[in-house]
Each structure stands twice: as structure tokens, then as C-alpha cells.
Amino acid sequence: MKKQRESQCTQKTISLLSPLGTIQVSGCENGVHTIQILMDVAPAERSSEAPLSCVVNDSPAETSPELQRCVEWLQAYFSEPQTAGSLPLPAFHHPALQGDAFTSRVLQVLLRDVKFGETVSYKRLAEMAGNPRAVRAVGGAMRRNPVPLLIPCHRVISSSGQSGPYMSGKGDHLKQWLLTHERQRGEG
């Protein structure tokens, strides 16, 4: 008889209030499954003087060490982003990040090689992942990234230097904010 599939784990969700709006982190005892940035605050209503912090809004009574590690990383990223790179990342437990599929490889290369405050073009990331002609597939991998912020798909830009779409074009303002946040906070 087959072992129970890993996808049948018990997930818990933590809700955080951040400068981007509400962020929901879901995961199990094995790792983080998803990070969702809910666009619950219109850009025009977002205060330009919003605190650069991330606080827990709602949390289950018990959380796994991996979810807690994720929350701590996100809090550091928003309050002292230059220190986030020295914190351990939580384990990931999502099928898109397992195995050697192109999407997984692209996301792992992005995580490993594109550092805080840096950007990379879709074309260059395709080259770094071993397939220079897979520029469109890199865009698809960015759209399927289950853990944005941790795997920094916001750092991938077009070859022209334009920021390119984020969250299927609905979160372009968030991508701009994240890139500016990293540039400004990295200098401090």
C-alpha cells in the first residue's frame, strides 16, 4: 500500500499586516506552501508614510517552526530588509518547488543568485537556469511562484529596464514599491 501523499498535510494560515496590505502565509509542519499578497488596500489609499513593518494580524493557536521562521523573515524584510538575507529561510513544501522541472530550477536559481537590491532580466534568468531561449517560460515560472517575497520574483525585470508585470499585472505598483524598498533600505 502506498504511503499517504505529502500533499495531504494539515495546513495552517497566518495573516500579516504589511506595507503591501494583508499577506497570508500557509504551510504545514514540513514547510511553507504559499504566500499570498491580498490587495485589500487600493494604492491611492495606501499611506506613503505607512510604517515599514509587518505584524501578525491573525494566527492559529499552534504554528509550525517553519511558519514561524517565515513570519520572522517577513518581519525582518519589511523593517530591516538588509538583514533578511542573513536569516534562515523556512523550508518550502509546494510541488512547484520540488524536483527538476524548469519552473523549480528557475525559482531556485532566482533565490540563490539574485541578491537583495539586485535585479535580473527574464532573458538573463533563462540563461542562468540553463535555457537561454526560455524567456517566456521564465515569465510563466514567475507567475507560478507560490512564495513571492521569499523567492524574489519582484526582482525580475524586462531587458529594457522596465519593471514588467507583477501578479499578472494587478500588482505592478507593489513590484515598484518592493524594488524601491530594497534600493532605499539597502543603502542605509
N, C-alpha and C. Protein backbone atom coordinates (compact mmCIF):
# COMPACT_ATOMS: atom_id res chain seq x y z
N MET A 1 0.84 -1.18 0.00
CA MET A 1 0.00 0.00 0.00
C MET A 1 0.89 1.25 0.00
N LYS A 2 0.48 2.25 -0.78
CA LYS A 2 1.28 3.47 -0.88
C LYS A 2 1.18 4.31 0.37
N LYS A 3 2.30 4.99 0.65
CA LYS A 3 2.31 5.95 1.75
C LYS A 3 1.36 7.09 1.41
N GLN A 4 0.78 7.70 2.42
CA GLN A 4 -0.09 8.85 2.17
C GLN A 4 0.69 9.92 1.44
N ARG A 5 0.04 10.55 0.49
CA ARG A 5 0.70 11.59 -0.29
C ARG A 5 1.03 12.79 0.59
N GLU A 6 2.19 13.40 0.29
CA GLU A 6 2.63 14.55 1.08
C GLU A 6 1.66 15.71 0.98
N SER A 7 0.91 15.79 -0.13
CA SER A 7 0.00 16.92 -0.32
C SER A 7 -1.17 16.88 0.66
N GLN A 8 -1.32 15.78 1.38
CA GLN A 8 -2.43 15.66 2.33
C GLN A 8 -1.99 16.08 3.73
N CYS A 9 -1.18 17.10 3.81
CA CYS A 9 -0.74 17.58 5.12
C CYS A 9 -1.74 18.59 5.67
N THR A 10 -1.64 18.87 6.94
CA THR A 10 -2.54 19.80 7.59
C THR A 10 -1.93 21.21 7.52
N GLN A 11 -2.58 22.06 6.73
CA GLN A 11 -2.08 23.42 6.56
C GLN A 11 -2.70 24.37 7.57
N LYS A 12 -1.92 25.34 7.97
CA LYS A 12 -2.41 26.44 8.81
C LYS A 12 -2.04 27.73 8.09
N THR A 13 -2.82 28.78 8.37
CA THR A 13 -2.60 30.06 7.71
C THR A 13 -2.42 31.16 8.75
N ILE A 14 -1.40 31.97 8.52
CA ILE A 14 -1.15 33.14 9.36
C ILE A 14 -1.39 34.37 8.49
N SER A 15 -2.09 35.33 9.04
CA SER A 15 -2.39 36.58 8.34
C SER A 15 -1.52 37.69 8.94
N LEU A 16 -0.86 38.45 8.06
CA LEU A 16 0.04 39.53 8.49
C LEU A 16 -0.42 40.84 7.86
N LEU A 17 -0.26 41.92 8.59
CA LEU A 17 -0.50 43.26 8.05
C LEU A 17 0.87 43.82 7.67
N SER A 18 1.00 44.28 6.43
CA SER A 18 2.29 44.77 5.94
C SER A 18 2.08 46.06 5.17
N PRO A 19 3.17 46.72 4.77
CA PRO A 19 3.03 47.90 3.93
C PRO A 19 2.37 47.60 2.58
N LEU A 20 2.35 46.34 2.17
CA LEU A 20 1.72 45.95 0.91
C LEU A 20 0.23 45.66 1.07
N GLY A 21 -0.23 45.59 2.31
CA GLY A 21 -1.59 45.15 2.60
C GLY A 21 -1.50 43.85 3.38
N THR A 22 -2.54 43.05 3.32
CA THR A 22 -2.55 41.79 4.05
C THR A 22 -1.77 40.72 3.28
N ILE A 23 -0.96 39.97 4.02
CA ILE A 23 -0.22 38.85 3.46
C ILE A 23 -0.67 37.60 4.21
N GLN A 24 -1.03 36.56 3.48
CA GLN A 24 -1.40 35.29 4.11
C GLN A 24 -0.32 34.25 3.79
N VAL A 25 0.19 33.64 4.85
CA VAL A 25 1.21 32.60 4.73
C VAL A 25 0.57 31.28 5.15
N SER A 26 0.61 30.30 4.26
CA SER A 26 0.06 28.98 4.56
C SER A 26 1.17 27.94 4.51
N GLY A 27 1.07 27.00 5.44
CA GLY A 27 2.06 25.94 5.45
C GLY A 27 1.69 24.86 6.44
N CYS A 28 2.55 23.87 6.50
CA CYS A 28 2.35 22.73 7.39
C CYS A 28 3.63 22.50 8.17
N GLU A 29 3.69 21.39 8.87
CA GLU A 29 4.87 21.09 9.66
C GLU A 29 6.10 20.86 8.78
N ASN A 30 5.89 20.58 7.48
CA ASN A 30 7.01 20.33 6.57
C ASN A 30 7.56 21.59 5.92
N GLY A 31 6.78 22.67 5.92
CA GLY A 31 7.26 23.90 5.30
C GLY A 31 6.15 24.80 4.81
N VAL A 32 6.55 25.89 4.20
CA VAL A 32 5.63 26.89 3.68
C VAL A 32 5.09 26.42 2.34
N HIS A 33 3.78 26.51 2.17
CA HIS A 33 3.13 26.14 0.91
C HIS A 33 2.98 27.37 0.02
N THR A 34 2.38 28.43 0.57
CA THR A 34 2.10 29.61 -0.25
C THR A 34 2.22 30.90 0.57
N ILE A 35 2.50 31.96 -0.16
CA ILE A 35 2.39 33.32 0.36
C ILE A 35 1.50 34.06 -0.62
N GLN A 36 0.44 34.64 -0.10
CA GLN A 36 -0.47 35.41 -0.94
C GLN A 36 -0.49 36.85 -0.47
N ILE A 37 -0.29 37.75 -1.41
CA ILE A 37 -0.39 39.17 -1.13
C ILE A 37 -1.79 39.58 -1.56
N LEU A 38 -2.63 39.88 -0.58
CA LEU A 38 -4.01 40.27 -0.88
C LEU A 38 -4.04 41.78 -1.08
N MET A 39 -4.51 42.18 -2.22
CA MET A 39 -4.55 43.61 -2.50
C MET A 39 -5.82 44.21 -1.93
N ASP A 40 -5.84 44.32 -0.59
CA ASP A 40 -7.03 44.79 0.09
C ASP A 40 -7.01 46.30 0.34
N VAL A 41 -5.91 46.94 -0.03
CA VAL A 41 -5.81 48.39 0.10
C VAL A 41 -5.44 48.94 -1.27
N ALA A 42 -6.28 49.81 -1.79
CA ALA A 42 -6.00 50.42 -3.09
C ALA A 42 -4.74 51.28 -3.00
N PRO A 43 -3.92 51.30 -4.05
CA PRO A 43 -2.68 52.08 -3.99
C PRO A 43 -2.90 53.54 -3.60
N ALA A 44 -3.98 54.14 -4.07
CA ALA A 44 -4.24 55.55 -3.76
C ALA A 44 -4.54 55.74 -2.27
N GLU A 45 -5.05 54.69 -1.61
CA GLU A 45 -5.40 54.79 -0.20
C GLU A 45 -4.24 54.41 0.72
N ARG A 46 -3.20 53.84 0.15
CA ARG A 46 -2.05 53.39 0.93
C ARG A 46 -1.25 54.63 1.34
N SER A 47 -1.03 54.80 2.58
CA SER A 47 -0.29 55.96 3.07
C SER A 47 1.16 55.85 2.67
N SER A 48 1.71 56.92 2.13
CA SER A 48 3.13 56.91 1.77
C SER A 48 3.99 56.87 3.02
N GLU A 49 3.40 57.15 4.16
CA GLU A 49 4.14 57.10 5.41
C GLU A 49 3.76 55.88 6.24
N ALA A 50 3.25 54.86 5.58
CA ALA A 50 2.91 53.63 6.29
C ALA A 50 4.17 53.06 6.92
N PRO A 51 4.08 52.55 8.11
CA PRO A 51 5.28 52.01 8.75
C PRO A 51 5.83 50.82 7.96
N LEU A 52 7.14 50.74 7.91
CA LEU A 52 7.78 49.63 7.23
C LEU A 52 7.88 48.45 8.19
N SER A 53 6.74 47.90 8.51
CA SER A 53 6.72 46.78 9.43
C SER A 53 5.71 45.76 8.96
N CYS A 54 5.74 44.64 9.61
CA CYS A 54 4.85 43.54 9.27
C CYS A 54 4.45 42.90 10.58
N VAL A 55 3.17 42.95 10.91
CA VAL A 55 2.74 42.43 12.20
C VAL A 55 1.70 41.33 11.99
N VAL A 56 1.70 40.38 12.89
CA VAL A 56 0.74 39.28 12.83
C VAL A 56 -0.64 39.83 13.13
N ASN A 57 -1.57 39.56 12.23
CA ASN A 57 -2.94 40.01 12.38
C ASN A 57 -3.80 38.88 12.94
N ASP A 58 -3.55 37.67 12.45
CA ASP A 58 -4.35 36.52 12.86
C ASP A 58 -3.49 35.28 12.71
N SER A 59 -3.48 34.45 13.73
CA SER A 59 -2.62 33.28 13.72
C SER A 59 -3.31 32.12 14.42
N PRO A 60 -3.12 30.90 13.91
CA PRO A 60 -3.67 29.75 14.63
C PRO A 60 -2.97 29.59 15.98
N ALA A 61 -3.61 28.90 16.90
CA ALA A 61 -3.06 28.73 18.25
C ALA A 61 -1.67 28.10 18.19
N GLU A 62 -1.50 27.11 17.34
CA GLU A 62 -0.20 26.46 17.21
C GLU A 62 0.29 26.63 15.78
N THR A 63 1.55 27.02 15.64
CA THR A 63 2.13 27.12 14.30
C THR A 63 3.39 26.27 14.26
N SER A 64 3.72 25.85 13.07
CA SER A 64 4.93 25.04 12.91
C SER A 64 6.15 25.95 12.99
N PRO A 65 7.30 25.39 13.32
CA PRO A 65 8.54 26.17 13.32
C PRO A 65 8.81 26.81 11.95
N GLU A 66 8.43 26.12 10.87
CA GLU A 66 8.68 26.67 9.53
C GLU A 66 7.81 27.90 9.26
N LEU A 67 6.54 27.85 9.69
CA LEU A 67 5.69 29.04 9.53
C LEU A 67 6.21 30.18 10.39
N GLN A 68 6.64 29.89 11.59
CA GLN A 68 7.18 30.93 12.46
C GLN A 68 8.43 31.54 11.85
N ARG A 69 9.29 30.71 11.27
CA ARG A 69 10.52 31.19 10.61
C ARG A 69 10.15 32.12 9.45
N CYS A 70 9.10 31.77 8.71
CA CYS A 70 8.65 32.60 7.59
C CYS A 70 8.17 33.96 8.09
N VAL A 71 7.38 33.96 9.16
CA VAL A 71 6.88 35.22 9.73
C VAL A 71 8.05 36.09 10.17
N GLU A 72 9.02 35.51 10.84
CA GLU A 72 10.19 36.28 11.30
C GLU A 72 10.96 36.85 10.11
N TRP A 73 11.09 36.07 9.04
CA TRP A 73 11.80 36.55 7.85
C TRP A 73 11.05 37.73 7.24
N LEU A 74 9.72 37.60 7.10
CA LEU A 74 8.93 38.69 6.52
C LEU A 74 9.00 39.94 7.38
N GLN A 75 8.95 39.78 8.70
CA GLN A 75 9.04 40.94 9.58
C GLN A 75 10.38 41.64 9.41
N ALA A 76 11.45 40.88 9.31
CA ALA A 76 12.77 41.47 9.09
C ALA A 76 12.83 42.16 7.72
N TYR A 77 12.27 41.52 6.71
CA TYR A 77 12.31 42.08 5.36
C TYR A 77 11.67 43.47 5.32
N PHE A 78 10.55 43.64 6.00
CA PHE A 78 9.87 44.93 5.95
C PHE A 78 10.48 45.95 6.89
N SER A 79 11.01 45.55 8.04
CA SER A 79 11.54 46.52 9.00
C SER A 79 13.04 46.78 8.81
N GLU A 80 13.81 45.73 8.57
CA GLU A 80 15.25 45.86 8.36
C GLU A 80 15.64 44.94 7.20
N PRO A 81 15.26 45.30 5.98
CA PRO A 81 15.39 44.37 4.86
C PRO A 81 16.82 43.89 4.58
N GLN A 82 17.79 44.73 4.87
CA GLN A 82 19.16 44.31 4.61
C GLN A 82 19.59 43.15 5.51
N THR A 83 18.88 42.90 6.61
CA THR A 83 19.22 41.78 7.50
C THR A 83 18.51 40.49 7.10
N ALA A 84 17.48 40.58 6.26
CA ALA A 84 16.70 39.39 5.91
C ALA A 84 17.56 38.33 5.23
N GLY A 85 18.55 38.76 4.46
CA GLY A 85 19.41 37.81 3.76
C GLY A 85 20.24 36.94 4.68
N SER A 86 20.45 37.39 5.91
CA SER A 86 21.25 36.59 6.84
C SER A 86 20.39 35.65 7.68
N LEU A 87 19.06 35.79 7.57
CA LEU A 87 18.17 34.91 8.32
C LEU A 87 17.92 33.62 7.54
N PRO A 88 17.74 32.51 8.25
CA PRO A 88 17.44 31.27 7.54
C PRO A 88 16.04 31.33 6.94
N LEU A 89 15.93 30.83 5.72
CA LEU A 89 14.61 30.74 5.08
C LEU A 89 13.89 29.51 5.62
N PRO A 90 12.58 29.56 5.63
CA PRO A 90 11.84 28.35 6.03
C PRO A 90 11.96 27.30 4.93
N ALA A 91 11.64 26.09 5.28
CA ALA A 91 11.55 25.04 4.26
C ALA A 91 10.33 25.31 3.40
N PHE A 92 10.39 24.90 2.15
CA PHE A 92 9.25 25.05 1.24
C PHE A 92 8.62 23.69 1.06
N HIS A 93 7.28 23.66 1.01
CA HIS A 93 6.57 22.41 0.82
C HIS A 93 5.46 22.62 -0.20
N HIS A 94 5.87 22.88 -1.43
CA HIS A 94 4.94 23.10 -2.53
C HIS A 94 5.47 22.34 -3.73
N PRO A 95 4.60 21.65 -4.48
CA PRO A 95 5.07 20.84 -5.62
C PRO A 95 5.87 21.63 -6.66
N ALA A 96 5.57 22.91 -6.87
CA ALA A 96 6.29 23.70 -7.87
C ALA A 96 7.76 23.90 -7.50
N LEU A 97 8.09 23.66 -6.24
CA LEU A 97 9.46 23.86 -5.79
C LEU A 97 10.21 22.55 -5.59
N GLN A 98 9.59 21.45 -5.98
CA GLN A 98 10.21 20.14 -5.83
C GLN A 98 10.67 19.64 -7.20
N GLY A 99 11.65 18.79 -7.21
CA GLY A 99 12.09 18.15 -8.45
C GLY A 99 12.91 19.05 -9.33
N ASP A 100 13.08 18.62 -10.58
CA ASP A 100 13.96 19.33 -11.50
C ASP A 100 13.20 19.95 -12.67
N ALA A 101 11.93 20.19 -12.51
CA ALA A 101 11.17 20.85 -13.58
C ALA A 101 11.75 22.24 -13.81
N PHE A 102 11.55 22.78 -15.01
CA PHE A 102 12.13 24.07 -15.34
C PHE A 102 11.68 25.17 -14.37
N THR A 103 10.39 25.17 -14.02
CA THR A 103 9.89 26.18 -13.07
C THR A 103 10.64 26.11 -11.76
N SER A 104 10.81 24.93 -11.23
CA SER A 104 11.54 24.75 -9.98
C SER A 104 12.98 25.23 -10.11
N ARG A 105 13.61 24.87 -11.22
CA ARG A 105 15.02 25.28 -11.43
C ARG A 105 15.14 26.80 -11.50
N VAL A 106 14.24 27.45 -12.24
CA VAL A 106 14.28 28.91 -12.37
C VAL A 106 14.11 29.56 -11.00
N LEU A 107 13.14 29.09 -10.23
CA LEU A 107 12.88 29.68 -8.91
C LEU A 107 14.06 29.46 -7.97
N GLN A 108 14.69 28.30 -8.04
CA GLN A 108 15.85 28.03 -7.18
C GLN A 108 17.04 28.92 -7.58
N VAL A 109 17.26 29.10 -8.89
CA VAL A 109 18.35 29.98 -9.35
C VAL A 109 18.08 31.41 -8.90
N LEU A 110 16.86 31.86 -9.06
CA LEU A 110 16.49 33.21 -8.62
C LEU A 110 16.76 33.39 -7.13
N LEU A 111 16.33 32.44 -6.34
CA LEU A 111 16.53 32.50 -4.89
C LEU A 111 18.01 32.53 -4.53
N ARG A 112 18.78 31.69 -5.17
CA ARG A 112 20.20 31.53 -4.83
C ARG A 112 21.08 32.67 -5.36
N ASP A 113 20.79 33.16 -6.59
CA ASP A 113 21.76 34.03 -7.27
C ASP A 113 21.39 35.50 -7.38
N VAL A 114 20.15 35.87 -7.15
CA VAL A 114 19.76 37.28 -7.29
C VAL A 114 19.55 37.83 -5.88
N LYS A 115 20.50 38.62 -5.45
CA LYS A 115 20.55 39.08 -4.06
C LYS A 115 19.70 40.33 -3.84
N PHE A 116 19.53 40.65 -2.57
CA PHE A 116 18.79 41.82 -2.12
C PHE A 116 19.25 43.07 -2.87
N GLY A 117 18.29 43.83 -3.42
CA GLY A 117 18.59 45.07 -4.11
C GLY A 117 19.04 44.90 -5.55
N GLU A 118 19.23 43.66 -6.00
CA GLU A 118 19.62 43.42 -7.38
C GLU A 118 18.39 43.10 -8.22
N THR A 119 18.55 43.25 -9.53
CA THR A 119 17.51 42.81 -10.46
C THR A 119 18.17 41.96 -11.54
N VAL A 120 17.35 41.21 -12.24
CA VAL A 120 17.82 40.36 -13.33
C VAL A 120 16.74 40.38 -14.40
N SER A 121 17.14 40.33 -15.67
CA SER A 121 16.14 40.30 -16.73
C SER A 121 15.61 38.88 -16.89
N TYR A 122 14.42 38.79 -17.48
CA TYR A 122 13.84 37.48 -17.77
C TYR A 122 14.82 36.68 -18.64
N LYS A 123 15.42 37.36 -19.62
CA LYS A 123 16.35 36.69 -20.53
C LYS A 123 17.57 36.18 -19.78
N ARG A 124 18.16 37.00 -18.94
CA ARG A 124 19.35 36.58 -18.19
C ARG A 124 19.02 35.43 -17.23
N LEU A 125 17.85 35.48 -16.61
CA LEU A 125 17.45 34.40 -15.70
C LEU A 125 17.27 33.10 -16.47
N ALA A 126 16.74 33.17 -17.70
CA ALA A 126 16.62 31.97 -18.54
C ALA A 126 18.02 31.39 -18.82
N GLU A 127 18.97 32.26 -19.12
CA GLU A 127 20.36 31.81 -19.34
C GLU A 127 20.93 31.17 -18.09
N MET A 128 20.72 31.82 -16.95
CA MET A 128 21.24 31.31 -15.68
C MET A 128 20.64 29.94 -15.33
N ALA A 129 19.39 29.71 -15.76
CA ALA A 129 18.71 28.44 -15.49
C ALA A 129 19.04 27.37 -16.53
N GLY A 130 19.86 27.73 -17.51
CA GLY A 130 20.33 26.73 -18.46
C GLY A 130 19.57 26.64 -19.77
N ASN A 131 18.66 27.57 -20.05
CA ASN A 131 17.93 27.54 -21.30
C ASN A 131 17.70 28.96 -21.79
N PRO A 132 18.69 29.53 -22.53
CA PRO A 132 18.61 30.94 -22.93
C PRO A 132 17.40 31.29 -23.80
N ARG A 133 16.77 30.30 -24.41
CA ARG A 133 15.62 30.59 -25.28
C ARG A 133 14.30 30.49 -24.54
N ALA A 134 14.32 30.27 -23.24
CA ALA A 134 13.09 30.04 -22.47
C ALA A 134 12.62 31.29 -21.73
N VAL A 135 12.72 32.44 -22.37
CA VAL A 135 12.35 33.70 -21.71
C VAL A 135 10.88 33.69 -21.30
N ARG A 136 10.01 33.23 -22.18
CA ARG A 136 8.57 33.20 -21.85
C ARG A 136 8.29 32.20 -20.73
N ALA A 137 9.03 31.10 -20.72
CA ALA A 137 8.86 30.10 -19.65
C ALA A 137 9.29 30.68 -18.31
N VAL A 138 10.28 31.57 -18.32
CA VAL A 138 10.69 32.24 -17.08
C VAL A 138 9.55 33.11 -16.58
N GLY A 139 8.89 33.81 -17.49
CA GLY A 139 7.72 34.60 -17.10
C GLY A 139 6.65 33.72 -16.50
N GLY A 140 6.43 32.55 -17.07
CA GLY A 140 5.46 31.60 -16.52
C GLY A 140 5.86 31.13 -15.14
N ALA A 141 7.16 30.89 -14.95
CA ALA A 141 7.65 30.47 -13.63
C ALA A 141 7.41 31.56 -12.60
N MET A 142 7.58 32.81 -13.00
CA MET A 142 7.34 33.92 -12.06
C MET A 142 5.87 33.96 -11.68
N ARG A 143 4.98 33.73 -12.65
CA ARG A 143 3.53 33.73 -12.36
C ARG A 143 3.15 32.58 -11.43
N ARG A 144 3.86 31.47 -11.52
CA ARG A 144 3.54 30.30 -10.70
C ARG A 144 4.31 30.25 -9.39
N ASN A 145 5.11 31.25 -9.08
CA ASN A 145 5.89 31.27 -7.84
C ASN A 145 4.92 31.23 -6.65
N PRO A 146 4.94 30.15 -5.88
CA PRO A 146 4.00 30.04 -4.76
C PRO A 146 4.41 30.86 -3.53
N VAL A 147 5.66 31.29 -3.48
CA VAL A 147 6.14 32.01 -2.29
C VAL A 147 6.83 33.32 -2.67
N PRO A 148 6.07 34.28 -3.26
CA PRO A 148 6.69 35.56 -3.57
C PRO A 148 7.23 36.21 -2.30
N LEU A 149 8.13 37.10 -2.45
CA LEU A 149 8.89 37.76 -1.40
C LEU A 149 10.04 36.85 -0.96
N LEU A 150 9.75 35.61 -0.53
CA LEU A 150 10.83 34.69 -0.16
C LEU A 150 11.66 34.35 -1.40
N ILE A 151 10.99 33.93 -2.46
CA ILE A 151 11.65 33.77 -3.76
C ILE A 151 11.29 35.04 -4.52
N PRO A 152 12.27 35.93 -4.69
CA PRO A 152 12.01 37.33 -5.08
C PRO A 152 11.70 37.55 -6.55
N CYS A 153 10.53 37.09 -7.00
CA CYS A 153 10.15 37.28 -8.40
C CYS A 153 9.98 38.76 -8.74
N HIS A 154 9.84 39.61 -7.73
CA HIS A 154 9.74 41.05 -7.99
C HIS A 154 11.06 41.61 -8.52
N ARG A 155 12.15 40.88 -8.39
CA ARG A 155 13.46 41.34 -8.86
C ARG A 155 13.70 41.02 -10.32
N VAL A 156 12.76 40.36 -10.98
CA VAL A 156 12.91 40.01 -12.39
C VAL A 156 12.23 41.09 -13.22
N ILE A 157 13.02 41.70 -14.12
CA ILE A 157 12.54 42.83 -14.92
C ILE A 157 12.77 42.55 -16.40
N SER A 158 12.20 43.37 -17.24
CA SER A 158 12.40 43.19 -18.68
C SER A 158 13.79 43.67 -19.09
N SER A 159 14.25 43.23 -20.24
CA SER A 159 15.59 43.61 -20.73
C SER A 159 15.72 45.11 -20.95
N SER A 160 14.60 45.78 -21.19
CA SER A 160 14.62 47.23 -21.42
C SER A 160 14.82 48.02 -20.12
N GLY A 161 14.75 47.33 -19.00
CA GLY A 161 14.88 48.00 -17.71
C GLY A 161 13.53 48.32 -17.08
N GLN A 162 12.44 48.13 -17.83
CA GLN A 162 11.11 48.34 -17.27
C GLN A 162 10.84 47.24 -16.25
N SER A 163 10.00 47.54 -15.26
CA SER A 163 9.80 46.56 -14.19
C SER A 163 9.05 45.32 -14.66
N GLY A 164 8.18 45.45 -15.64
CA GLY A 164 7.42 44.28 -16.09
C GLY A 164 6.27 43.99 -15.15
N PRO A 165 5.41 43.05 -15.53
CA PRO A 165 4.21 42.78 -14.73
C PRO A 165 4.50 42.03 -13.43
N TYR A 166 3.61 42.24 -12.47
CA TYR A 166 3.69 41.55 -11.18
C TYR A 166 2.28 41.15 -10.81
N MET A 167 2.11 39.92 -10.36
CA MET A 167 0.79 39.40 -10.00
C MET A 167 -0.16 39.57 -11.20
N SER A 168 0.30 39.11 -12.36
CA SER A 168 -0.45 39.17 -13.62
C SER A 168 -0.86 40.60 -13.98
N GLY A 169 -0.03 41.56 -13.62
CA GLY A 169 -0.28 42.95 -13.95
C GLY A 169 -1.10 43.70 -12.91
N LYS A 170 -1.74 42.98 -12.00
CA LYS A 170 -2.58 43.64 -10.99
C LYS A 170 -1.74 44.23 -9.85
N GLY A 171 -0.51 43.77 -9.71
CA GLY A 171 0.32 44.22 -8.59
C GLY A 171 1.56 44.99 -9.02
N ASP A 172 1.50 45.62 -10.21
CA ASP A 172 2.68 46.34 -10.70
C ASP A 172 3.15 47.41 -9.70
N HIS A 173 2.20 48.07 -9.04
CA HIS A 173 2.55 49.09 -8.05
C HIS A 173 3.28 48.46 -6.85
N LEU A 174 2.94 47.20 -6.53
CA LEU A 174 3.62 46.52 -5.42
C LEU A 174 5.05 46.18 -5.82
N LYS A 175 5.25 45.76 -7.06
CA LYS A 175 6.59 45.45 -7.54
C LYS A 175 7.47 46.71 -7.47
N GLN A 176 6.93 47.83 -7.91
CA GLN A 176 7.68 49.09 -7.85
C GLN A 176 8.02 49.42 -6.40
N TRP A 177 7.06 49.24 -5.51
CA TRP A 177 7.29 49.52 -4.09
C TRP A 177 8.41 48.63 -3.55
N LEU A 178 8.36 47.34 -3.86
CA LEU A 178 9.36 46.39 -3.36
C LEU A 178 10.76 46.74 -3.88
N LEU A 179 10.87 47.06 -5.16
CA LEU A 179 12.18 47.41 -5.73
C LEU A 179 12.72 48.69 -5.09
N THR A 180 11.86 49.68 -4.91
CA THR A 180 12.28 50.93 -4.25
C THR A 180 12.65 50.67 -2.80
N HIS A 181 11.87 49.86 -2.11
CA HIS A 181 12.12 49.50 -0.71
C HIS A 181 13.52 48.88 -0.57
N GLU A 182 13.86 47.97 -1.47
CA GLU A 182 15.15 47.32 -1.40
C GLU A 182 16.29 48.28 -1.74
N ARG A 183 16.09 49.12 -2.73
CA ARG A 183 17.15 50.09 -3.09
C ARG A 183 17.39 51.08 -1.96
N GLN A 184 16.31 51.65 -1.43
CA GLN A 184 16.46 52.66 -0.36
C GLN A 184 16.98 52.05 0.92
N ARG A 185 16.45 50.91 1.31
CA ARG A 185 16.84 50.31 2.58
C ARG A 185 18.22 49.65 2.50
N GLY A 186 18.62 49.26 1.30
CA GLY A 186 19.94 48.65 1.14
C GLY A 186 21.06 49.66 1.27
N GLU A 187 20.74 50.92 0.99
CA GLU A 187 21.76 51.97 1.10
C GLU A 187 22.00 52.41 2.53
N GLY A 188 20.97 52.20 3.41
CA GLY A 188 21.03 52.68 4.78
C GLY A 188 21.85 51.87 5.69
